Amino acid sequence: MTQATGEPPSFYEQVGGHETFDLLAHRFYEGVATDPVLSAMYPEDDMPGAIWRLTAFLEQYWGGPTTYSEKRGHPRLRMRHNPFHINPDARDRWLTHMRAAVDSLALPPLQEATLWDYFDRAALSMVNTFDDTPQAGNAP
C-alpha cells in the first residue's frame, strides 16, 4: 500500500519508477542505434528526444507521472507511427532490442511477463505494411 492513498502501488512504483523506465529506454535505444533498419527511422540528433518520449510514455502508461500527455498530448501510438514503414521485419527487430532491454532489468517474473506482454502486443499493433521495401523517415 502507498502511504499517501492506502492504495496498492502502481506497476510503475512496483518496478522501480523513473529509474527503471529511463534505463529501459536507454538500453533499448542502444540497440536501435546499431540496427540498420531501425536507426534509419531516427535522426541521430534526436536520440535524446526519442529516449525521453519512450521513457515518459511508459511512465504514464504504467501509472507514473503524466508528463508525456502534458507535453505532447494524447499518445495516439498508431497515428504517430503511421508515417513510418513498419513491416514484420521492423517489428521483429524492435522486439529483439526491447527484449534485450527488458532482460537487462532483471525484474521479478510476474512484472517481466506483464511488461513483455504489453510490448509484444503493442509491436504487433504498429505493423502498417507488409511491403519489404524500406523507406526512410523519422520516428516519432
Protein backbone atom coordinates (compact mmCIF):
# COMPACT_ATOMS: atom_id res chain seq x y z
CA MET A 1 0.00 0.00 0.00
CA THR A 2 1.17 3.50 -0.71
CA GLN A 3 1.31 5.63 2.41
CA ALA A 4 -0.39 8.62 0.83
CA THR A 5 -3.52 6.90 -0.52
CA GLY A 6 -3.68 3.46 1.05
CA GLU A 7 -3.95 2.02 -2.47
CA PRO A 8 -1.68 -0.72 -3.80
CA PRO A 9 1.42 0.60 -5.57
CA SER A 10 1.14 1.12 -9.32
CA PHE A 11 3.11 -1.07 -11.69
CA TYR A 12 5.31 1.99 -12.22
CA GLU A 13 6.14 2.00 -8.50
CA GLN A 14 6.48 -1.79 -8.28
CA VAL A 15 9.22 -1.94 -10.91
CA GLY A 16 11.26 0.97 -9.59
CA GLY A 17 9.72 4.10 -11.06
CA HIS A 18 11.55 6.58 -13.25
CA GLU A 19 14.98 4.96 -12.92
CA THR A 20 13.69 1.65 -14.31
CA PHE A 21 11.87 3.14 -17.30
CA ASP A 22 14.74 5.52 -18.08
CA LEU A 23 17.21 2.61 -18.02
CA LEU A 24 14.88 0.54 -20.21
CA ALA A 25 14.64 3.33 -22.80
CA HIS A 26 18.39 3.94 -22.82
CA ARG A 27 19.19 0.26 -23.27
CA PHE A 28 16.54 -0.13 -25.95
CA TYR A 29 17.91 2.79 -27.98
CA GLU A 30 21.48 1.49 -27.61
CA GLY A 31 20.26 -1.49 -29.64
CA VAL A 32 18.28 0.63 -32.08
CA ALA A 33 21.36 2.73 -32.80
CA THR A 34 23.17 -0.40 -34.06
CA ASP A 35 20.28 -1.63 -36.20
CA PRO A 36 20.45 -0.52 -39.85
CA VAL A 37 16.69 -0.78 -40.38
CA LEU A 38 15.51 0.91 -37.18
CA SER A 39 18.27 3.51 -36.87
CA ALA A 40 17.32 4.85 -40.31
CA MET A 41 13.98 5.92 -38.83
CA TYR A 42 15.64 8.19 -36.25
CA PRO A 43 17.68 11.32 -36.89
CA GLU A 44 20.93 10.95 -34.92
CA ASP A 45 20.47 14.30 -33.22
CA ASP A 46 17.05 13.23 -31.89
CA MET A 47 18.08 10.12 -29.93
CA PRO A 48 17.85 12.01 -26.62
CA GLY A 49 14.34 13.11 -27.62
CA ALA A 50 13.37 9.56 -28.57
CA ILE A 51 14.65 8.28 -25.22
CA TRP A 52 12.69 10.95 -23.36
CA ARG A 53 9.49 10.22 -25.31
CA LEU A 54 9.68 6.48 -24.69
CA THR A 55 10.50 6.96 -21.01
CA ALA A 56 7.71 9.48 -20.44
CA PHE A 57 5.17 7.41 -22.40
CA LEU A 58 5.95 4.22 -20.47
CA GLU A 59 5.93 6.02 -17.14
CA GLN A 60 2.49 7.42 -17.88
CA TYR A 61 1.12 4.16 -19.28
CA TRP A 62 2.19 2.22 -16.18
CA GLY A 63 0.82 4.66 -13.60
CA GLY A 64 3.58 7.22 -13.17
CA PRO A 65 3.69 10.93 -13.97
CA THR A 66 1.53 12.23 -16.82
CA THR A 67 4.33 14.34 -18.26
CA TYR A 68 4.03 12.73 -21.70
CA SER A 69 0.44 13.89 -22.24
CA GLU A 70 1.11 17.25 -20.64
CA LYS A 71 3.91 17.95 -23.13
CA ARG A 72 2.79 16.01 -26.23
CA GLY A 73 -0.94 15.39 -25.91
CA HIS A 74 -2.64 12.01 -26.20
CA PRO A 75 -0.14 9.28 -27.14
CA ARG A 76 -2.06 8.14 -30.27
CA LEU A 77 0.57 5.49 -30.92
CA ARG A 78 -0.78 4.20 -34.22
CA MET A 79 -1.28 7.70 -35.58
CA ARG A 80 2.21 8.84 -34.54
CA HIS A 81 3.84 5.74 -36.05
CA ASN A 82 1.75 5.56 -39.22
CA PRO A 83 4.11 7.69 -41.37
CA PHE A 84 6.87 5.10 -40.84
CA HIS A 85 7.41 1.85 -42.73
CA ILE A 86 6.71 -0.71 -40.00
CA ASN A 87 6.62 -4.14 -41.56
CA PRO A 88 7.05 -7.51 -39.80
CA ASP A 89 10.85 -7.27 -40.11
CA ALA A 90 10.92 -3.85 -38.43
CA ARG A 91 8.56 -5.15 -35.72
CA ASP A 92 10.78 -8.17 -35.09
CA ARG A 93 13.89 -6.01 -34.89
CA TRP A 94 12.10 -3.67 -32.46
CA LEU A 95 11.11 -6.64 -30.33
CA THR A 96 14.67 -8.00 -30.37
CA HIS A 97 16.08 -4.76 -28.96
CA MET A 98 13.22 -4.37 -26.49
CA ARG A 99 13.66 -7.97 -25.32
CA ALA A 100 17.33 -7.29 -24.56
CA ALA A 101 16.40 -4.08 -22.73
CA VAL A 102 13.70 -5.79 -20.66
CA ASP A 103 16.00 -8.72 -19.83
CA SER A 104 18.68 -6.29 -18.64
CA LEU A 105 16.33 -5.02 -15.93
CA ALA A 106 16.20 -8.42 -14.17
CA LEU A 107 12.63 -7.82 -12.99
CA PRO A 108 10.70 -10.40 -10.96
CA PRO A 109 9.00 -12.92 -13.29
CA LEU A 110 5.44 -11.58 -13.00
CA GLN A 111 6.49 -7.99 -13.64
CA GLU A 112 8.75 -9.04 -16.52
CA ALA A 113 5.92 -11.05 -18.11
CA THR A 114 3.46 -8.17 -17.68
CA LEU A 115 5.82 -5.70 -19.30
CA TRP A 116 6.77 -8.08 -22.12
CA ASP A 117 3.15 -8.94 -22.89
CA TYR A 118 2.44 -5.25 -23.39
CA PHE A 119 5.44 -4.75 -25.71
CA ASP A 120 4.62 -7.83 -27.74
CA ARG A 121 1.02 -6.70 -28.30
CA ALA A 122 2.00 -3.07 -28.94
CA ALA A 123 4.60 -4.06 -31.53
CA LEU A 124 2.09 -6.20 -33.39
CA SER A 125 -0.40 -3.35 -33.48
CA MET A 126 2.16 -0.95 -35.01
CA VAL A 127 2.67 -3.01 -38.19
CA ASN A 128 1.28 -0.89 -41.00
CA THR A 129 2.62 -2.61 -44.13
CA PHE A 130 3.73 -5.98 -45.39
CA ASP A 131 5.89 -4.34 -48.06
CA ASP A 132 9.54 -5.35 -47.72
CA THR A 133 10.85 -2.21 -49.39
CA PRO A 134 12.35 0.01 -46.66
CA GLN A 135 11.56 3.70 -46.60
CA ALA A 136 13.49 6.44 -44.89
CA GLY A 137 11.75 8.51 -42.29
CA ASN A 138 11.95 9.92 -38.82
CA ALA A 139 10.42 8.11 -35.89
CA PRO A 140 8.03 9.86 -33.54
